[in-house]
N, C-alpha and C. Protein backbone atom coordinates (compact mmCIF):
# COMPACT_ATOMS: atom_id res chain seq x y z
N MET A 1 4.66 113.74 247.69
CA MET A 1 4.38 114.59 248.82
C MET A 1 5.55 114.60 249.81
N ARG A 2 6.15 113.41 250.07
CA ARG A 2 7.28 113.34 250.99
C ARG A 2 8.45 114.16 250.48
N GLY A 3 8.65 114.17 249.14
CA GLY A 3 9.74 114.95 248.55
C GLY A 3 9.57 116.44 248.79
N LYS A 4 8.34 116.93 248.66
CA LYS A 4 8.08 118.35 248.88
C LYS A 4 8.28 118.71 250.35
N LEU A 5 7.84 117.84 251.25
CA LEU A 5 8.01 118.08 252.67
C LEU A 5 9.49 118.10 253.02
N TRP A 6 10.26 117.17 252.48
CA TRP A 6 11.69 117.12 252.72
C TRP A 6 12.37 118.40 252.22
N LEU A 7 12.03 118.84 251.01
CA LEU A 7 12.59 120.05 250.44
C LEU A 7 12.24 121.26 251.31
N PHE A 8 11.01 121.33 251.78
CA PHE A 8 10.59 122.43 252.65
C PHE A 8 11.41 122.43 253.94
N LEU A 9 11.61 121.26 254.55
CA LEU A 9 12.36 121.18 255.80
C LEU A 9 13.83 121.55 255.61
N VAL A 10 14.44 121.14 254.51
CA VAL A 10 15.82 121.51 254.22
C VAL A 10 15.92 123.03 254.04
N GLY A 11 14.98 123.62 253.30
CA GLY A 11 14.97 125.07 253.12
C GLY A 11 14.82 125.80 254.44
N LEU A 12 13.94 125.31 255.29
CA LEU A 12 13.73 125.90 256.61
C LEU A 12 15.00 125.80 257.44
N LEU A 13 15.68 124.67 257.39
CA LEU A 13 16.93 124.49 258.12
C LEU A 13 18.00 125.45 257.62
N LEU A 14 18.12 125.62 256.31
CA LEU A 14 19.10 126.55 255.76
C LEU A 14 18.83 127.97 256.21
N LEU A 15 17.56 128.37 256.20
CA LEU A 15 17.23 129.71 256.66
C LEU A 15 17.52 129.88 258.14
N ALA A 16 17.23 128.88 258.92
CA ALA A 16 17.45 128.96 260.36
C ALA A 16 18.94 129.05 260.70
N THR A 17 19.79 128.43 259.90
CA THR A 17 21.23 128.46 260.17
C THR A 17 21.91 129.63 259.48
N GLY A 18 21.16 130.41 258.70
CA GLY A 18 21.74 131.56 258.02
C GLY A 18 22.40 131.22 256.71
N ARG A 19 22.48 129.96 256.37
CA ARG A 19 23.16 129.56 255.14
C ARG A 19 22.30 129.82 253.91
N GLY A 20 21.01 129.97 254.09
CA GLY A 20 20.13 130.23 252.96
C GLY A 20 20.12 131.68 252.53
N ALA A 21 20.80 132.55 253.28
CA ALA A 21 20.77 133.97 253.00
C ALA A 21 21.79 134.38 251.95
N ALA A 22 22.68 133.49 251.56
CA ALA A 22 23.72 133.82 250.60
C ALA A 22 23.16 133.83 249.18
N ALA A 23 23.75 134.67 248.36
CA ALA A 23 23.39 134.72 246.95
C ALA A 23 24.60 134.30 246.14
N VAL A 24 24.35 133.68 245.02
CA VAL A 24 25.41 133.34 244.07
C VAL A 24 25.05 133.99 242.75
N LEU A 25 25.97 134.78 242.23
CA LEU A 25 25.75 135.47 240.97
C LEU A 25 26.56 134.79 239.88
N ILE A 26 25.96 134.63 238.72
CA ILE A 26 26.70 134.15 237.55
C ILE A 26 27.28 135.38 236.89
N HIS A 27 28.60 135.41 236.77
CA HIS A 27 29.30 136.58 236.23
C HIS A 27 28.80 136.94 234.84
N LEU A 28 28.49 138.21 234.67
CA LEU A 28 28.13 138.76 233.36
C LEU A 28 29.16 139.82 233.01
N THR A 29 29.70 139.76 231.81
CA THR A 29 30.61 140.81 231.36
C THR A 29 29.78 142.04 231.01
N VAL A 30 30.43 143.17 230.88
CA VAL A 30 29.74 144.41 230.49
C VAL A 30 29.09 144.21 229.13
N GLU A 31 29.78 143.53 228.23
CA GLU A 31 29.24 143.29 226.89
C GLU A 31 27.99 142.41 226.95
N GLU A 32 28.01 141.37 227.79
CA GLU A 32 26.84 140.51 227.93
C GLU A 32 25.66 141.29 228.50
N MET A 33 25.92 142.12 229.50
CA MET A 33 24.83 142.91 230.07
C MET A 33 24.26 143.87 229.03
N ALA A 34 25.13 144.47 228.22
CA ALA A 34 24.68 145.39 227.18
C ALA A 34 23.77 144.68 226.19
N GLU A 35 24.13 143.47 225.79
CA GLU A 35 23.32 142.72 224.83
C GLU A 35 21.99 142.28 225.41
N LYS A 36 21.98 141.86 226.69
CA LYS A 36 20.78 141.29 227.30
C LYS A 36 19.83 142.33 227.88
N SER A 37 20.28 143.55 228.07
CA SER A 37 19.46 144.59 228.70
C SER A 37 18.39 145.12 227.77
N SER A 38 17.25 145.48 228.37
CA SER A 38 16.20 146.17 227.63
C SER A 38 16.59 147.62 227.40
N ALA A 39 17.29 148.19 228.39
CA ALA A 39 17.71 149.59 228.32
C ALA A 39 18.96 149.77 229.18
N VAL A 40 19.76 150.76 228.80
CA VAL A 40 20.93 151.16 229.58
C VAL A 40 20.94 152.67 229.58
N PHE A 41 21.07 153.26 230.78
CA PHE A 41 21.02 154.72 230.86
C PHE A 41 21.90 155.28 231.97
N LEU A 42 22.23 156.56 231.82
CA LEU A 42 22.86 157.35 232.87
C LEU A 42 21.74 158.16 233.50
N GLY A 43 21.60 158.06 234.83
CA GLY A 43 20.53 158.79 235.49
C GLY A 43 20.88 159.14 236.92
N ARG A 44 20.04 159.99 237.49
CA ARG A 44 20.19 160.42 238.88
C ARG A 44 19.00 159.92 239.68
N CYS A 45 19.28 159.28 240.82
CA CYS A 45 18.22 158.80 241.69
C CYS A 45 17.55 160.00 242.35
N VAL A 46 16.22 160.08 242.24
CA VAL A 46 15.49 161.21 242.83
C VAL A 46 14.57 160.80 243.96
N ALA A 47 14.28 159.51 244.09
CA ALA A 47 13.41 159.04 245.18
C ALA A 47 13.59 157.55 245.38
N VAL A 48 13.43 157.12 246.65
CA VAL A 48 13.49 155.71 247.02
C VAL A 48 12.35 155.46 247.99
N LYS A 49 11.48 154.47 247.67
CA LYS A 49 10.34 154.19 248.53
C LYS A 49 10.08 152.69 248.55
N SER A 50 10.02 152.13 249.74
CA SER A 50 9.72 150.70 249.90
C SER A 50 8.23 150.51 250.12
N ALA A 51 7.73 149.36 249.70
CA ALA A 51 6.30 149.04 249.86
C ALA A 51 6.14 147.53 249.98
N LEU A 52 5.02 147.13 250.58
CA LEU A 52 4.68 145.71 250.62
C LEU A 52 4.24 145.29 249.23
N ASP A 53 4.61 144.09 248.85
CA ASP A 53 4.30 143.58 247.51
C ASP A 53 4.08 142.08 247.60
N PRO A 54 2.89 141.64 247.99
CA PRO A 54 2.65 140.21 248.17
C PRO A 54 2.73 139.40 246.88
N ASP A 55 2.59 140.04 245.73
CA ASP A 55 2.60 139.31 244.46
C ASP A 55 3.99 138.86 244.04
N GLU A 56 5.01 139.64 244.37
CA GLU A 56 6.35 139.33 243.87
C GLU A 56 7.30 138.90 244.96
N PHE A 57 7.81 139.83 245.74
CA PHE A 57 8.90 139.56 246.68
C PHE A 57 8.48 139.66 248.14
N GLY A 58 7.29 140.08 248.44
CA GLY A 58 6.87 140.34 249.82
C GLY A 58 7.10 141.79 250.17
N MET A 59 8.25 142.32 249.81
CA MET A 59 8.58 143.73 250.02
C MET A 59 9.45 144.15 248.84
N VAL A 60 9.23 145.36 248.36
CA VAL A 60 9.97 145.83 247.19
C VAL A 60 10.34 147.29 247.40
N THR A 61 11.48 147.69 246.86
CA THR A 61 11.90 149.09 246.90
C THR A 61 11.84 149.64 245.49
N HIS A 62 11.10 150.74 245.34
CA HIS A 62 10.97 151.43 244.06
C HIS A 62 11.95 152.61 244.06
N ASN A 63 12.89 152.58 243.13
CA ASN A 63 13.90 153.62 242.99
C ASN A 63 13.57 154.42 241.73
N VAL A 64 13.36 155.72 241.88
CA VAL A 64 12.97 156.58 240.76
C VAL A 64 14.21 157.31 240.24
N PHE A 65 14.43 157.23 238.93
CA PHE A 65 15.58 157.87 238.29
C PHE A 65 15.13 158.85 237.22
N GLU A 66 15.78 160.01 237.18
CA GLU A 66 15.65 160.93 236.06
C GLU A 66 16.78 160.60 235.10
N VAL A 67 16.40 160.24 233.87
CA VAL A 67 17.39 159.78 232.89
C VAL A 67 18.03 160.98 232.22
N GLN A 68 19.36 160.96 232.17
CA GLN A 68 20.11 162.01 231.49
C GLN A 68 20.48 161.61 230.07
N GLU A 69 20.74 160.29 229.87
CA GLU A 69 21.15 159.82 228.55
C GLU A 69 20.90 158.32 228.44
N TYR A 70 20.37 157.89 227.30
CA TYR A 70 20.20 156.47 227.01
C TYR A 70 21.31 156.00 226.09
N TYR A 71 21.79 154.77 226.32
CA TYR A 71 22.76 154.14 225.43
C TYR A 71 22.11 152.99 224.69
N LYS A 72 21.00 152.50 225.24
CA LYS A 72 20.21 151.45 224.60
C LYS A 72 18.78 151.57 225.12
N GLY A 73 17.82 151.42 224.23
CA GLY A 73 16.41 151.45 224.62
C GLY A 73 15.96 152.85 225.03
N ASP A 74 14.72 152.94 225.47
CA ASP A 74 14.16 154.20 225.94
C ASP A 74 12.94 153.88 226.79
N LEU A 75 13.03 154.10 228.08
CA LEU A 75 11.93 153.83 229.01
C LEU A 75 11.27 155.12 229.47
N GLY A 76 11.64 156.25 228.86
CA GLY A 76 11.09 157.54 229.25
C GLY A 76 12.09 158.35 230.06
N ARG A 77 11.71 159.58 230.38
CA ARG A 77 12.62 160.48 231.10
C ARG A 77 12.71 160.14 232.58
N ARG A 78 11.67 159.52 233.12
CA ARG A 78 11.67 159.06 234.52
C ARG A 78 11.42 157.57 234.51
N VAL A 79 12.26 156.83 235.23
CA VAL A 79 12.16 155.37 235.25
C VAL A 79 12.11 154.88 236.70
N VAL A 80 11.23 153.94 236.96
CA VAL A 80 11.17 153.30 238.27
C VAL A 80 11.84 151.94 238.17
N ILE A 81 12.89 151.75 238.96
CA ILE A 81 13.60 150.48 239.04
C ILE A 81 13.18 149.83 240.35
N SER A 82 12.57 148.65 240.27
CA SER A 82 12.05 147.97 241.45
C SER A 82 12.93 146.78 241.80
N GLU A 83 13.43 146.79 243.02
CA GLU A 83 14.31 145.72 243.49
C GLU A 83 13.69 145.06 244.72
N PRO A 84 13.88 143.75 244.89
CA PRO A 84 13.32 143.07 246.05
C PRO A 84 13.96 143.57 247.35
N GLY A 85 13.14 143.59 248.41
CA GLY A 85 13.61 143.99 249.72
C GLY A 85 13.25 145.43 250.04
N GLY A 86 13.55 145.83 251.26
CA GLY A 86 13.29 147.19 251.68
C GLY A 86 12.93 147.26 253.14
N GLU A 87 12.37 148.41 253.55
CA GLU A 87 11.95 148.61 254.93
C GLU A 87 10.58 149.26 254.94
N VAL A 88 9.64 148.59 255.60
CA VAL A 88 8.27 149.09 255.73
C VAL A 88 7.82 148.87 257.17
N GLY A 89 7.40 149.95 257.81
CA GLY A 89 6.88 149.83 259.18
C GLY A 89 7.85 149.21 260.16
N GLY A 90 9.14 149.50 260.02
CA GLY A 90 10.14 148.94 260.93
C GLY A 90 10.58 147.53 260.60
N ARG A 91 9.94 146.90 259.62
CA ARG A 91 10.32 145.55 259.19
C ARG A 91 11.26 145.66 258.00
N VAL A 92 12.40 144.98 258.06
CA VAL A 92 13.42 145.06 257.02
C VAL A 92 13.57 143.70 256.34
N THR A 93 13.60 143.72 255.03
CA THR A 93 13.90 142.52 254.25
C THR A 93 15.05 142.87 253.32
N HIS A 94 16.09 142.04 253.35
CA HIS A 94 17.27 142.28 252.51
C HIS A 94 17.58 141.03 251.70
N TYR A 95 17.81 141.23 250.41
CA TYR A 95 18.22 140.14 249.53
C TYR A 95 19.66 140.40 249.12
N PRO A 96 20.59 139.52 249.51
CA PRO A 96 21.99 139.73 249.15
C PRO A 96 22.16 139.88 247.64
N GLY A 97 22.99 140.83 247.25
CA GLY A 97 23.27 141.05 245.84
C GLY A 97 22.38 142.08 245.17
N THR A 98 21.34 142.57 245.85
CA THR A 98 20.48 143.58 245.23
C THR A 98 21.11 144.95 245.39
N PRO A 99 21.09 145.76 244.33
CA PRO A 99 21.65 147.11 244.44
C PRO A 99 20.74 148.01 245.29
N GLN A 100 21.35 148.93 245.99
CA GLN A 100 20.61 149.90 246.79
C GLN A 100 21.06 151.28 246.38
N PHE A 101 20.11 152.22 246.33
CA PHE A 101 20.39 153.57 245.85
C PHE A 101 19.96 154.61 246.86
N GLN A 102 20.56 155.79 246.75
CA GLN A 102 20.21 156.94 247.59
C GLN A 102 19.88 158.11 246.67
N PRO A 103 18.88 158.92 247.03
CA PRO A 103 18.59 160.11 246.22
C PRO A 103 19.85 160.97 246.05
N GLY A 104 20.04 161.46 244.84
CA GLY A 104 21.19 162.28 244.50
C GLY A 104 22.31 161.52 243.82
N GLU A 105 22.33 160.20 243.95
CA GLU A 105 23.38 159.40 243.31
C GLU A 105 23.21 159.39 241.80
N GLU A 106 24.33 159.47 241.10
CA GLU A 106 24.34 159.37 239.64
C GLU A 106 24.89 158.00 239.28
N VAL A 107 24.17 157.26 238.45
CA VAL A 107 24.55 155.89 238.12
C VAL A 107 24.28 155.58 236.65
N VAL A 108 24.98 154.57 236.15
CA VAL A 108 24.62 153.95 234.88
C VAL A 108 24.01 152.61 235.25
N LEU A 109 22.81 152.34 234.72
CA LEU A 109 22.11 151.10 235.02
C LEU A 109 21.85 150.31 233.75
N PHE A 110 22.11 149.01 233.82
CA PHE A 110 21.75 148.05 232.79
C PHE A 110 20.44 147.43 233.27
N VAL A 111 19.37 147.64 232.54
CA VAL A 111 18.03 147.30 233.02
C VAL A 111 17.40 146.22 232.16
N TRP A 112 16.71 145.30 232.80
CA TRP A 112 15.87 144.35 232.08
C TRP A 112 14.44 144.55 232.56
N THR A 113 13.52 144.26 231.68
CA THR A 113 12.11 144.40 231.99
C THR A 113 11.50 143.02 232.06
N GLY A 114 10.93 142.68 233.22
CA GLY A 114 10.34 141.37 233.43
C GLY A 114 8.99 141.23 232.75
N PRO A 115 8.43 140.04 232.74
CA PRO A 115 7.13 139.78 232.09
C PRO A 115 6.00 140.65 232.65
N SER A 116 6.12 141.06 233.92
CA SER A 116 5.08 141.89 234.52
C SER A 116 5.22 143.36 234.12
N GLY A 117 6.31 143.69 233.40
CA GLY A 117 6.56 145.08 233.01
C GLY A 117 7.41 145.83 234.02
N ARG A 118 7.80 145.17 235.09
CA ARG A 118 8.61 145.79 236.14
C ARG A 118 10.06 145.83 235.68
N HIS A 119 10.72 146.98 235.89
CA HIS A 119 12.13 147.16 235.52
C HIS A 119 13.03 146.86 236.71
N GLN A 120 14.11 146.09 236.46
CA GLN A 120 15.10 145.76 237.47
C GLN A 120 16.48 145.88 236.87
N VAL A 121 17.48 146.02 237.73
CA VAL A 121 18.87 146.03 237.29
C VAL A 121 19.25 144.60 236.92
N ILE A 122 19.88 144.41 235.78
CA ILE A 122 20.27 143.08 235.32
C ILE A 122 21.46 142.58 236.15
N GLY A 123 21.44 141.30 236.48
CA GLY A 123 22.57 140.70 237.20
C GLY A 123 22.77 141.24 238.60
N LEU A 124 21.67 141.73 239.21
CA LEU A 124 21.75 142.32 240.55
C LEU A 124 22.77 143.45 240.56
N THR A 125 23.73 143.46 241.49
CA THR A 125 24.66 144.60 241.56
C THR A 125 25.56 144.69 240.33
N GLN A 126 25.69 143.62 239.56
CA GLN A 126 26.58 143.66 238.39
C GLN A 126 26.16 144.72 237.38
N GLY A 127 24.86 145.01 237.31
CA GLY A 127 24.36 145.96 236.32
C GLY A 127 24.24 147.38 236.81
N SER A 128 24.89 147.69 237.93
CA SER A 128 24.83 149.02 238.53
C SER A 128 26.24 149.60 238.63
N PHE A 129 26.44 150.78 238.04
CA PHE A 129 27.74 151.46 238.05
C PHE A 129 27.58 152.86 238.61
N ARG A 130 28.31 153.18 239.68
CA ARG A 130 28.29 154.53 240.27
C ARG A 130 29.14 155.44 239.41
N ALA A 131 28.64 156.66 239.19
CA ALA A 131 29.34 157.62 238.34
C ALA A 131 29.97 158.71 239.21
N ALA A 132 31.19 159.11 238.84
CA ALA A 132 31.89 160.20 239.51
C ALA A 132 32.75 160.91 238.48
N ARG A 133 32.93 162.20 238.66
CA ARG A 133 33.75 162.97 237.72
C ARG A 133 35.20 162.98 238.18
N ALA A 134 36.11 162.76 237.22
CA ALA A 134 37.54 162.83 237.51
C ALA A 134 37.90 164.29 237.77
N PRO A 135 38.56 164.60 238.88
CA PRO A 135 38.83 165.99 239.22
C PRO A 135 39.70 166.72 238.18
N GLN A 136 40.67 166.05 237.58
CA GLN A 136 41.58 166.70 236.63
C GLN A 136 40.92 166.95 235.28
N THR A 137 40.14 165.97 234.78
CA THR A 137 39.62 166.06 233.41
C THR A 137 38.13 166.32 233.33
N GLY A 138 37.40 166.04 234.40
CA GLY A 138 35.95 166.18 234.35
C GLY A 138 35.26 165.00 233.69
N GLU A 139 36.05 164.04 233.21
CA GLU A 139 35.48 162.86 232.55
C GLU A 139 34.70 162.03 233.58
N ILE A 140 33.61 161.40 233.13
CA ILE A 140 32.81 160.58 234.03
C ILE A 140 33.43 159.19 234.11
N LEU A 141 33.73 158.78 235.36
CA LEU A 141 34.29 157.46 235.62
C LEU A 141 33.20 156.60 236.23
N LEU A 142 33.14 155.34 235.83
CA LEU A 142 32.12 154.42 236.31
C LEU A 142 32.77 153.29 237.09
N LYS A 143 32.19 152.98 238.25
CA LYS A 143 32.68 151.86 239.05
C LYS A 143 31.51 150.95 239.38
N GLN A 144 31.65 149.70 238.98
CA GLN A 144 30.60 148.71 239.20
C GLN A 144 30.40 148.49 240.69
N ASP A 145 29.12 148.38 241.09
CA ASP A 145 28.81 148.06 242.48
C ASP A 145 29.41 146.71 242.82
N SER A 146 29.90 146.59 244.03
CA SER A 146 30.39 145.30 244.48
C SER A 146 29.33 144.67 245.37
N SER A 147 29.49 143.41 245.60
CA SER A 147 28.51 142.67 246.39
C SER A 147 29.24 141.65 247.25
N MET A 148 28.63 141.32 248.36
CA MET A 148 29.18 140.26 249.19
C MET A 148 28.77 138.89 248.62
N ALA A 149 27.94 138.89 247.60
CA ALA A 149 27.49 137.64 247.00
C ALA A 149 28.66 136.96 246.28
N ARG A 150 28.65 135.66 246.30
CA ARG A 150 29.65 134.87 245.59
C ARG A 150 29.38 134.95 244.09
N VAL A 151 30.42 135.17 243.31
CA VAL A 151 30.29 135.27 241.85
C VAL A 151 31.02 134.10 241.23
N ILE A 152 30.35 133.40 240.31
CA ILE A 152 30.99 132.29 239.62
C ILE A 152 31.14 132.62 238.15
N GLU A 153 32.16 132.07 237.57
CA GLU A 153 32.48 132.30 236.15
C GLU A 153 31.91 131.16 235.32
N PRO A 154 31.02 131.47 234.35
CA PRO A 154 30.49 130.39 233.50
C PRO A 154 31.58 129.80 232.62
N ARG A 155 31.43 128.53 232.32
CA ARG A 155 32.40 127.86 231.44
C ARG A 155 32.42 128.45 230.03
N SER A 156 31.31 129.08 229.64
CA SER A 156 31.22 129.64 228.29
C SER A 156 32.11 130.87 228.11
N HIS A 157 32.59 131.46 229.21
CA HIS A 157 33.45 132.64 229.10
C HIS A 157 34.85 132.22 228.65
N THR A 158 35.33 132.89 227.62
CA THR A 158 36.65 132.58 227.10
C THR A 158 37.67 133.64 227.48
N HIS A 159 37.22 134.73 228.12
CA HIS A 159 38.12 135.80 228.52
C HIS A 159 38.83 135.45 229.82
N GLN A 160 39.77 136.29 230.19
CA GLN A 160 40.48 136.12 231.46
C GLN A 160 39.47 136.22 232.61
N ALA A 161 39.45 135.30 233.51
CA ALA A 161 38.50 135.30 234.62
C ALA A 161 38.66 136.54 235.48
N SER A 162 37.54 137.23 235.72
CA SER A 162 37.56 138.40 236.59
C SER A 162 36.34 138.40 237.49
N ALA A 163 35.70 137.25 237.63
CA ALA A 163 34.48 137.16 238.42
C ALA A 163 34.74 137.63 239.85
N GLY A 164 33.84 138.45 240.34
CA GLY A 164 33.92 138.91 241.71
C GLY A 164 34.66 140.22 241.87
N ARG A 165 35.37 140.67 240.86
CA ARG A 165 36.07 141.96 240.94
C ARG A 165 35.27 143.01 240.21
N PRO A 166 34.92 144.11 240.89
CA PRO A 166 34.16 145.16 240.22
C PRO A 166 34.93 145.76 239.04
N VAL A 167 34.20 146.12 238.01
CA VAL A 167 34.77 146.70 236.80
C VAL A 167 34.76 148.22 236.93
N SER A 168 35.82 148.86 236.45
CA SER A 168 35.87 150.32 236.36
C SER A 168 36.12 150.68 234.90
N LEU A 169 35.43 151.70 234.42
CA LEU A 169 35.63 152.16 233.05
C LEU A 169 35.14 153.59 232.94
N THR A 170 35.45 154.22 231.81
CA THR A 170 34.98 155.58 231.59
C THR A 170 33.65 155.53 230.85
N LEU A 171 32.90 156.61 230.99
CA LEU A 171 31.62 156.69 230.28
C LEU A 171 31.85 156.68 228.77
N SER A 172 32.90 157.33 228.32
CA SER A 172 33.18 157.34 226.87
C SER A 172 33.48 155.94 226.35
N SER A 173 34.18 155.11 227.11
CA SER A 173 34.44 153.74 226.65
C SER A 173 33.17 152.90 226.68
N LEU A 174 32.29 153.17 227.63
CA LEU A 174 31.01 152.46 227.69
C LEU A 174 30.18 152.76 226.44
N ARG A 175 30.17 154.03 226.04
CA ARG A 175 29.39 154.43 224.85
C ARG A 175 29.84 153.71 223.59
N GLU A 176 31.08 153.26 223.56
CA GLU A 176 31.63 152.61 222.37
C GLU A 176 31.44 151.10 222.32
N LEU A 177 30.74 150.53 223.29
CA LEU A 177 30.48 149.10 223.23
C LEU A 177 29.73 148.75 221.95
N ARG A 178 30.05 147.61 221.39
CA ARG A 178 29.46 147.18 220.12
C ARG A 178 27.93 147.16 220.18
N ALA A 179 27.36 146.66 221.27
CA ALA A 179 25.90 146.57 221.39
C ALA A 179 25.25 147.95 221.30
N PHE A 180 25.92 148.97 221.84
CA PHE A 180 25.36 150.32 221.81
C PHE A 180 25.52 150.94 220.42
N ARG A 181 26.65 150.66 219.77
CA ARG A 181 26.83 151.16 218.39
C ARG A 181 25.78 150.54 217.48
N GLU A 182 25.53 149.23 217.65
CA GLU A 182 24.51 148.56 216.83
C GLU A 182 23.12 149.13 217.12
N ALA A 183 22.82 149.45 218.37
CA ALA A 183 21.52 150.03 218.73
C ALA A 183 21.37 151.40 218.08
N ARG A 184 22.46 152.20 218.03
CA ARG A 184 22.39 153.52 217.38
C ARG A 184 22.14 153.36 215.88
N VAL A 185 22.82 152.39 215.26
CA VAL A 185 22.63 152.15 213.83
C VAL A 185 21.20 151.72 213.55
N GLN A 186 20.65 150.82 214.38
CA GLN A 186 19.26 150.39 214.20
C GLN A 186 18.30 151.58 214.33
N GLY A 187 18.59 152.47 215.29
CA GLY A 187 17.75 153.65 215.48
C GLY A 187 17.78 154.56 214.28
N LEU A 188 18.96 154.73 213.67
CA LEU A 188 19.07 155.57 212.49
C LEU A 188 18.33 154.94 211.30
N ARG A 189 18.43 153.61 211.17
CA ARG A 189 17.74 152.92 210.08
C ARG A 189 16.23 153.04 210.20
N SER A 190 15.73 153.07 211.45
CA SER A 190 14.28 153.13 211.63
C SER A 190 13.78 154.58 211.75
N GLY A 191 14.68 155.54 211.52
CA GLY A 191 14.27 156.94 211.54
C GLY A 191 14.39 157.60 212.89
N GLY A 192 14.97 156.89 213.87
CA GLY A 192 15.16 157.48 215.20
C GLY A 192 16.37 158.35 215.24
N ASP A 193 16.54 159.10 216.33
CA ASP A 193 17.69 159.98 216.44
C ASP A 193 18.79 159.41 217.31
N ARG A 194 18.67 158.19 217.77
CA ARG A 194 19.71 157.57 218.60
C ARG A 194 20.50 156.62 217.78
């Protein structure tokens, strides 16, 4: 009992000093996110609505996306991505590292589905890429969301360390990731069209 009380008091002290508000993200490469995601899609945000959610986060923001193209999985033509935090009745809750969206934005999202069936972006902001067209070529360019959260590089990574720096790539190069090629092959083997 004393251990739990001590832990509670330390947590309360961290929150009171603002030190508990920081997030630490474990760096995920694009390839790791592709492998671990339930679905990956290009979509346009059409609605954002926050609500109270006592079961999960206290407050949650539901972001509705119209899917233009799937690269892995299929969650339907309209997908709700629920992230912790939001604003309800003038009360604001923010979780560092959570992606935030605005209606009209075009993004590529790496999504995981939790045990409750709720869809979230994998790796917090790491799994969110803003899409923009290159003026000269019209090609879609993707830029990973950045975060003020601290990013650490796992020891298991053998590549050149790039933790904390947002990734930029083209949509065509994203489509060629091994995990997506394997998902297309599996779809063809099972009679699907992807």
